[in-house]
Amino acid sequence: MLYGQNHVYRDLRGPNIVVFVDKNGDEFAKLLDFNWGGEEGVVVYPADINMNMEIGWHAEVCPGGLIHCKHNEFML
C-alpha cells in the first residue's frame, strides 16, 4: 500500500477509482491520476485546487496545504 512507503494519493475521489472484475469474478480497484501523489507531509495541494464543497474534501484541505494520509482515509 502507499502508506507503507509514506506516500499519499492526493485526489482520492470516485472519478479516479476504477473497479475491475477478473475472469474469476473477483473485484479489484485501481487508482488513476497519480500526478498529485507524493510523500506524506511533504507534498502540497495545488494552488488552484477545486474547493467546490460538493467534492467533500477533508476540513484541512486547502490550496497549498500539506497532504496527509488522514485526508485519503476521510475520502474513502
PDB file of N, CA and C in Angstrom:
ATOM      1  N   MET A   1       0.844  -1.187   0.000  1.00  0.00           N
ATOM      2  CA  MET A   1       0.000   0.000   0.000  1.00  0.00           C
ATOM      3  C   MET A   1       0.881   1.239   0.000  1.00  0.00           C
ATOM      4  N   LEU A   2       0.347   2.310  -0.422  1.00  0.00           N
ATOM      5  CA  LEU A   2       1.081   3.566  -0.482  1.00  0.00           C
ATOM      6  C   LEU A   2       1.565   4.016   0.884  1.00  0.00           C
ATOM      7  N   TYR A   3       0.757   3.830   1.920  1.00  0.00           N
ATOM      8  CA  TYR A   3       1.111   4.320   3.254  1.00  0.00           C
ATOM      9  C   TYR A   3       2.355   3.636   3.790  1.00  0.00           C
ATOM     10  N   GLY A   4       2.556   2.384   3.453  1.00  0.00           N
ATOM     11  CA  GLY A   4       3.719   1.656   3.923  1.00  0.00           C
ATOM     12  C   GLY A   4       5.017   2.304   3.476  1.00  0.00           C
ATOM     13  N   GLN A   5       4.935   3.113   2.438  1.00  0.00           N
ATOM     14  CA  GLN A   5       6.110   3.821   1.938  1.00  0.00           C
ATOM     15  C   GLN A   5       5.990   5.322   2.183  1.00  0.00           C
ATOM     16  N   ASN A   6       5.061   5.695   3.083  1.00  0.00           N
ATOM     17  CA  ASN A   6       4.852   7.094   3.475  1.00  0.00           C
ATOM     18  C   ASN A   6       4.422   7.965   2.297  1.00  0.00           C
ATOM     19  N   HIS A   7       3.626   7.403   1.402  1.00  0.00           N
ATOM     20  CA  HIS A   7       3.132   8.156   0.259  1.00  0.00           C
ATOM     21  C   HIS A   7       1.627   8.359   0.367  1.00  0.00           C
ATOM     22  N   VAL A   8       1.176   9.453  -0.191  1.00  0.00           N
ATOM     23  CA  VAL A   8      -0.248   9.760  -0.220  1.00  0.00           C
ATOM     24  C   VAL A   8      -0.709   9.907  -1.661  1.00  0.00           C
ATOM     25  N   TYR A   9      -1.972   9.644  -1.839  1.00  0.00           N
ATOM     26  CA  TYR A   9      -2.636   9.816  -3.126  1.00  0.00           C
ATOM     27  C   TYR A   9      -3.542  11.028  -2.934  1.00  0.00           C
ATOM     28  N   ARG A  10      -3.257  12.093  -3.599  1.00  0.00           N
ATOM     29  CA  ARG A  10      -3.876  13.371  -3.261  1.00  0.00           C
ATOM     30  C   ARG A  10      -5.246  13.635  -3.864  1.00  0.00           C
ATOM     31  N   ASP A  11      -5.762  12.776  -4.670  1.00  0.00           N
ATOM     32  CA  ASP A  11      -7.050  13.068  -5.315  1.00  0.00           C
ATOM     33  C   ASP A  11      -7.951  11.838  -5.270  1.00  0.00           C
ATOM     34  N   LEU A  12      -8.154  11.308  -4.072  1.00  0.00           N
ATOM     35  CA  LEU A  12      -8.942  10.093  -3.889  1.00  0.00           C
ATOM     36  C   LEU A  12     -10.432  10.432  -3.944  1.00  0.00           C
ATOM     37  N   ARG A  13     -10.964  10.388  -5.168  1.00  0.00           N
ATOM     38  CA  ARG A  13     -12.377  10.648  -5.417  1.00  0.00           C
ATOM     39  C   ARG A  13     -12.882   9.608  -6.402  1.00  0.00           C
ATOM     40  N   GLY A  14     -14.187   9.429  -6.437  1.00  0.00           N
ATOM     41  CA  GLY A  14     -14.816   8.450  -7.310  1.00  0.00           C
ATOM     42  C   GLY A  14     -14.320   8.442  -8.745  1.00  0.00           C
ATOM     43  N   PRO A  15     -14.163   9.601  -9.383  1.00  0.00           N
ATOM     44  CA  PRO A  15     -13.712   9.600 -10.777  1.00  0.00           C
ATOM     45  C   PRO A  15     -12.306   9.017 -10.974  1.00  0.00           C
ATOM     46  N   ASN A  16     -11.530   8.913  -9.901  1.00  0.00           N
ATOM     47  CA  ASN A  16     -10.159   8.415 -10.008  1.00  0.00           C
ATOM     48  C   ASN A  16      -9.995   6.986  -9.515  1.00  0.00           C
ATOM     49  N   ILE A  17     -11.108   6.299  -9.298  1.00  0.00           N
ATOM     50  CA  ILE A  17     -11.088   4.902  -8.859  1.00  0.00           C
ATOM     51  C   ILE A  17     -11.854   4.065  -9.878  1.00  0.00           C
ATOM     52  N   VAL A  18     -11.198   3.053 -10.409  1.00  0.00           N
ATOM     53  CA  VAL A  18     -11.842   2.158 -11.366  1.00  0.00           C
ATOM     54  C   VAL A  18     -11.849   0.758 -10.763  1.00  0.00           C
ATOM     55  N   VAL A  19     -13.012   0.121 -10.797  1.00  0.00           N
ATOM     56  CA  VAL A  19     -13.141  -1.240 -10.267  1.00  0.00           C
ATOM     57  C   VAL A  19     -13.199  -2.207 -11.443  1.00  0.00           C
ATOM     58  N   PHE A  20     -12.361  -3.217 -11.389  1.00  0.00           N
ATOM     59  CA  PHE A  20     -12.297  -4.249 -12.418  1.00  0.00           C
ATOM     60  C   PHE A  20     -12.778  -5.570 -11.838  1.00  0.00           C
ATOM     61  N   VAL A  21     -13.234  -6.439 -12.704  1.00  0.00           N
ATOM     62  CA  VAL A  21     -13.606  -7.803 -12.321  1.00  0.00           C
ATOM     63  C   VAL A  21     -12.761  -8.741 -13.169  1.00  0.00           C
ATOM     64  N   ASP A  22     -12.024  -9.650 -12.514  1.00  0.00           N
ATOM     65  CA  ASP A  22     -11.180 -10.580 -13.267  1.00  0.00           C
ATOM     66  C   ASP A  22     -11.988 -11.771 -13.759  1.00  0.00           C
ATOM     67  N   LYS A  23     -11.337 -12.687 -14.450  1.00  0.00           N
ATOM     68  CA  LYS A  23     -12.029 -13.823 -15.057  1.00  0.00           C
ATOM     69  C   LYS A  23     -12.661 -14.751 -14.023  1.00  0.00           C
ATOM     70  N   ASN A  24     -12.230 -14.665 -12.770  1.00  0.00           N
ATOM     71  CA  ASN A  24     -12.806 -15.475 -11.687  1.00  0.00           C
ATOM     72  C   ASN A  24     -13.940 -14.758 -10.969  1.00  0.00           C
ATOM     73  N   GLY A  25     -14.239 -13.548 -11.403  1.00  0.00           N
ATOM     74  CA  GLY A  25     -15.301 -12.780 -10.776  1.00  0.00           C
ATOM     75  C   GLY A  25     -14.846 -11.968  -9.573  1.00  0.00           C
ATOM     76  N   ASP A  26     -13.553 -11.975  -9.298  1.00  0.00           N
ATOM     77  CA  ASP A  26     -13.024 -11.196  -8.182  1.00  0.00           C
ATOM     78  C   ASP A  26     -12.875  -9.734  -8.589  1.00  0.00           C
ATOM     79  N   GLU A  27     -13.277  -8.835  -7.691  1.00  0.00           N
ATOM     80  CA  GLU A  27     -13.184  -7.411  -7.958  1.00  0.00           C
ATOM     81  C   GLU A  27     -11.909  -6.837  -7.366  1.00  0.00           C
ATOM     82  N   PHE A  28     -11.339  -5.870  -8.047  1.00  0.00           N
ATOM     83  CA  PHE A  28     -10.200  -5.143  -7.515  1.00  0.00           C
ATOM     84  C   PHE A  28     -10.245  -3.718  -8.055  1.00  0.00           C
ATOM     85  N   ALA A  29      -9.668  -2.808  -7.306  1.00  0.00           N
ATOM     86  CA  ALA A  29      -9.699  -1.400  -7.694  1.00  0.00           C
ATOM     87  C   ALA A  29      -8.311  -0.932  -8.108  1.00  0.00           C
ATOM     88  N   LYS A  30      -8.311   0.022  -9.012  1.00  0.00           N
ATOM     89  CA  LYS A  30      -7.072   0.678  -9.428  1.00  0.00           C
ATOM     90  C   LYS A  30      -7.283   2.178  -9.323  1.00  0.00           C
ATOM     91  N   LEU A  31      -6.234   2.859  -8.897  1.00  0.00           N
ATOM     92  CA  LEU A  31      -6.282   4.310  -8.799  1.00  0.00           C
ATOM     93  C   LEU A  31      -5.726   4.936 -10.071  1.00  0.00           C
ATOM     94  N   LEU A  32      -6.371   5.998 -10.524  1.00  0.00           N
ATOM     95  CA  LEU A  32      -5.933   6.742 -11.700  1.00  0.00           C
ATOM     96  C   LEU A  32      -5.445   8.118 -11.268  1.00  0.00           C
ATOM     97  N   ASP A  33      -4.724   8.776 -12.133  1.00  0.00           N
ATOM     98  CA  ASP A  33      -4.351  10.173 -11.939  1.00  0.00           C
ATOM     99  C   ASP A  33      -3.416  10.371 -10.743  1.00  0.00           C
ATOM    100  N   PHE A  34      -2.201   9.879 -10.874  1.00  0.00           N
ATOM    101  CA  PHE A  34      -1.211   9.980  -9.797  1.00  0.00           C
ATOM    102  C   PHE A  34      -0.385  11.270  -9.856  1.00  0.00           C
ATOM    103  N   ASN A  35      -0.787  12.221 -10.664  1.00  0.00           N
ATOM    104  CA  ASN A  35       0.055  13.416 -10.806  1.00  0.00           C
ATOM    105  C   ASN A  35       0.129  14.260  -9.539  1.00  0.00           C
ATOM    106  N   TRP A  36      -0.717  13.995  -8.555  1.00  0.00           N
ATOM    107  CA  TRP A  36      -0.651  14.725  -7.295  1.00  0.00           C
ATOM    108  C   TRP A  36       0.018  13.915  -6.198  1.00  0.00           C
ATOM    109  N   GLY A  37       0.382  12.685  -6.421  1.00  0.00           N
ATOM    110  CA  GLY A  37       0.915  11.820  -5.369  1.00  0.00           C
ATOM    111  C   GLY A  37       2.290  12.244  -4.888  1.00  0.00           C
ATOM    112  N   GLY A  38       2.629  11.767  -3.691  1.00  0.00           N
ATOM    113  CA  GLY A  38       3.947  12.071  -3.179  1.00  0.00           C
ATOM    114  C   GLY A  38       4.092  11.675  -1.727  1.00  0.00           C
ATOM    115  N   GLU A  39       5.130  12.155  -1.086  1.00  0.00           N
ATOM    116  CA  GLU A  39       5.441  11.801   0.294  1.00  0.00           C
ATOM    117  C   GLU A  39       4.546  12.570   1.263  1.00  0.00           C
ATOM    118  N   GLU A  40       3.970  11.844   2.215  1.00  0.00           N
ATOM    119  CA  GLU A  40       3.082  12.466   3.198  1.00  0.00           C
ATOM    120  C   GLU A  40       3.820  13.557   3.972  1.00  0.00           C
ATOM    121  N   GLY A  41       3.132  14.688   4.179  1.00  0.00           N
ATOM    122  CA  GLY A  41       3.704  15.785   4.932  1.00  0.00           C
ATOM    123  C   GLY A  41       4.725  16.611   4.181  1.00  0.00           C
ATOM    124  N   VAL A  42       4.976  16.249   2.922  1.00  0.00           N
ATOM    125  CA  VAL A  42       5.927  16.990   2.089  1.00  0.00           C
ATOM    126  C   VAL A  42       5.190  17.602   0.901  1.00  0.00           C
ATOM    127  N   VAL A  43       4.387  16.790   0.226  1.00  0.00           N
ATOM    128  CA  VAL A  43       3.657  17.281  -0.940  1.00  0.00           C
ATOM    129  C   VAL A  43       2.491  18.155  -0.489  1.00  0.00           C
ATOM    130  N   VAL A  44       2.134  19.080  -1.344  1.00  0.00           N
ATOM    131  CA  VAL A  44       1.052  20.010  -1.033  1.00  0.00           C
ATOM    132  C   VAL A  44      -0.018  19.960  -2.113  1.00  0.00           C
ATOM    133  N   TYR A  45      -1.208  20.393  -1.738  1.00  0.00           N
ATOM    134  CA  TYR A  45      -2.277  20.515  -2.720  1.00  0.00           C
ATOM    135  C   TYR A  45      -1.940  21.664  -3.665  1.00  0.00           C
ATOM    136  N   PRO A  46      -2.364  21.548  -4.922  1.00  0.00           N
ATOM    137  CA  PRO A  46      -2.074  22.625  -5.876  1.00  0.00           C
ATOM    138  C   PRO A  46      -2.744  23.935  -5.452  1.00  0.00           C
ATOM    139  N   ALA A  47      -2.150  25.035  -5.838  1.00  0.00           N
ATOM    140  CA  ALA A  47      -2.702  26.351  -5.508  1.00  0.00           C
ATOM    141  C   ALA A  47      -4.067  26.566  -6.144  1.00  0.00           C
ATOM    142  N   ASP A  48      -4.325  25.880  -7.255  1.00  0.00           N
ATOM    143  CA  ASP A  48      -5.596  26.058  -7.962  1.00  0.00           C
ATOM    144  C   ASP A  48      -6.566  24.894  -7.742  1.00  0.00           C
ATOM    145  N   ILE A  49      -6.450  24.172  -6.609  1.00  0.00           N
ATOM    146  CA  ILE A  49      -7.334  23.042  -6.326  1.00  0.00           C
ATOM    147  C   ILE A  49      -8.793  23.496  -6.333  1.00  0.00           C
ATOM    148  N   ASN A  50      -9.646  22.673  -6.886  1.00  0.00           N
ATOM    149  CA  ASN A  50     -11.076  22.958  -6.917  1.00  0.00           C
ATOM    150  C   ASN A  50     -11.650  22.706  -5.523  1.00  0.00           C
ATOM    151  N   MET A  51     -12.004  23.745  -4.813  1.00  0.00           N
ATOM    152  CA  MET A  51     -12.502  23.629  -3.448  1.00  0.00           C
ATOM    153  C   MET A  51     -14.031  23.568  -3.399  1.00  0.00           C
ATOM    154  N   ASN A  52     -14.655  23.156  -4.490  1.00  0.00           N
ATOM    155  CA  ASN A  52     -16.104  23.013  -4.535  1.00  0.00           C
ATOM    156  C   ASN A  52     -16.565  22.139  -3.378  1.00  0.00           C
ATOM    157  N   MET A  53     -17.506  22.606  -2.587  1.00  0.00           N
ATOM    158  CA  MET A  53     -17.987  21.890  -1.400  1.00  0.00           C
ATOM    159  C   MET A  53     -18.603  20.536  -1.753  1.00  0.00           C
ATOM    160  N   GLU A  54     -19.085  20.360  -2.980  1.00  0.00           N
ATOM    161  CA  GLU A  54     -19.681  19.092  -3.390  1.00  0.00           C
ATOM    162  C   GLU A  54     -18.660  17.962  -3.448  1.00  0.00           C
ATOM    163  N   ILE A  55     -17.380  18.295  -3.586  1.00  0.00           N
ATOM    164  CA  ILE A  55     -16.335  17.272  -3.618  1.00  0.00           C
ATOM    165  C   ILE A  55     -16.205  16.622  -2.252  1.00  0.00           C
ATOM    166  N   GLY A  56     -16.374  17.386  -1.193  1.00  0.00           N
ATOM    167  CA  GLY A  56     -16.349  16.821   0.144  1.00  0.00           C
ATOM    168  C   GLY A  56     -14.967  16.612   0.719  1.00  0.00           C
ATOM    169  N   TRP A  57     -14.040  17.528   0.435  1.00  0.00           N
ATOM    170  CA  TRP A  57     -12.689  17.419   0.951  1.00  0.00           C
ATOM    171  C   TRP A  57     -12.666  17.404   2.473  1.00  0.00           C
ATOM    172  N   HIS A  58     -11.609  16.833   3.048  1.00  0.00           N
ATOM    173  CA  HIS A  58     -11.336  16.907   4.487  1.00  0.00           C
ATOM    174  C   HIS A  58     -11.249  18.391   4.859  1.00  0.00           C
ATOM    175  N   ALA A  59     -11.636  18.738   6.082  1.00  0.00           N
ATOM    176  CA  ALA A  59     -11.659  20.139   6.524  1.00  0.00           C
ATOM    177  C   ALA A  59     -10.293  20.824   6.451  1.00  0.00           C
ATOM    178  N   GLU A  60      -9.194  20.055   6.526  1.00  0.00           N
ATOM    179  CA  GLU A  60      -7.853  20.641   6.494  1.00  0.00           C
ATOM    180  C   GLU A  60      -7.333  20.900   5.081  1.00  0.00           C
ATOM    181  N   VAL A  61      -8.028  20.400   4.073  1.00  0.00           N
ATOM    182  CA  VAL A  61      -7.562  20.575   2.692  1.00  0.00           C
ATOM    183  C   VAL A  61      -7.723  22.035   2.281  1.00  0.00           C
ATOM    184  N   CYS A  62      -6.642  22.596   1.749  1.00  0.00           N
ATOM    185  CA  CYS A  62      -6.679  23.974   1.266  1.00  0.00           C
ATOM    186  C   CYS A  62      -5.592  24.153   0.205  1.00  0.00           C
ATOM    187  N   PRO A  63      -5.742  25.164  -0.646  1.00  0.00           N
ATOM    188  CA  PRO A  63      -4.722  25.406  -1.650  1.00  0.00           C
ATOM    189  C   PRO A  63      -3.345  25.586  -1.004  1.00  0.00           C
ATOM    190  N   GLY A  64      -2.375  24.810  -1.460  1.00  0.00           N
ATOM    191  CA  GLY A  64      -1.019  24.882  -0.940  1.00  0.00           C
ATOM    192  C   GLY A  64      -0.809  24.183   0.392  1.00  0.00           C
ATOM    193  N   GLY A  65      -1.858  23.551   0.937  1.00  0.00           N
ATOM    194  CA  GLY A  65      -1.753  22.877   2.228  1.00  0.00           C
ATOM    195  C   GLY A  65      -1.075  21.522   2.125  1.00  0.00           C
ATOM    196  N   LEU A  66      -0.417  21.104   3.203  1.00  0.00           N
ATOM    197  CA  LEU A  66       0.231  19.795   3.245  1.00  0.00           C
ATOM    198  C   LEU A  66      -0.799  18.678   3.137  1.00  0.00           C
ATOM    199  N   ILE A  67      -0.401  17.592   2.534  1.00  0.00           N
ATOM    200  CA  ILE A  67      -1.293  16.443   2.338  1.00  0.00           C
ATOM    201  C   ILE A  67      -0.920  15.346   3.322  1.00  0.00           C
ATOM    202  N   HIS A  68      -1.947  14.781   3.972  1.00  0.00           N
ATOM    203  CA  HIS A  68      -1.736  13.727   4.964  1.00  0.00           C
ATOM    204  C   HIS A  68      -2.611  12.519   4.647  1.00  0.00           C
ATOM    205  N   CYS A  69      -2.184  11.349   5.118  1.00  0.00           N
ATOM    206  CA  CYS A  69      -2.926  10.103   4.892  1.00  0.00           C
ATOM    207  C   CYS A  69      -4.364  10.211   5.387  1.00  0.00           C
ATOM    208  N   LYS A  70      -4.568  10.939   6.478  1.00  0.00           N
ATOM    209  CA  LYS A  70      -5.927  11.042   7.013  1.00  0.00           C
ATOM    210  C   LYS A  70      -6.877  11.703   6.015  1.00  0.00           C
ATOM    211  N   HIS A  71      -6.361  12.491   5.086  1.00  0.00           N
ATOM    212  CA  HIS A  71      -7.206  13.082   4.054  1.00  0.00           C
ATOM    213  C   HIS A  71      -7.716  11.986   3.116  1.00  0.00           C
ATOM    214  N   ASN A  72      -6.833  11.033   2.764  1.00  0.00           N
ATOM    215  CA  ASN A  72      -7.248   9.892   1.926  1.00  0.00           C
ATOM    216  C   ASN A  72      -8.282   9.063   2.658  1.00  0.00           C
ATOM    217  N   GLU A  73      -8.009   8.769   3.930  1.00  0.00           N
ATOM    218  CA  GLU A  73      -8.933   7.957   4.726  1.00  0.00           C
ATOM    219  C   GLU A  73     -10.305   8.619   4.818  1.00  0.00           C
ATOM    220  N   PHE A  74     -10.330   9.921   4.956  1.00  0.00           N
ATOM    221  CA  PHE A  74     -11.581  10.666   5.021  1.00  0.00           C
ATOM    222  C   PHE A  74     -12.368  10.512   3.727  1.00  0.00           C
ATOM    223  N   MET A  75     -11.673  10.562   2.589  1.00  0.00           N
ATOM    224  CA  MET A  75     -12.346  10.479   1.296  1.00  0.00           C
ATOM    225  C   MET A  75     -12.890   9.087   0.997  1.00  0.00           C
ATOM    226  N   LEU A  76     -12.345   8.068   1.668  1.00  0.00           N
ATOM    227  CA  LEU A  76     -12.882   6.718   1.476  1.00  0.00           C
ATOM    228  C   LEU A  76     -14.268   6.625   2.034  1.00  0.00           C
TER     229      LEU A  76
END
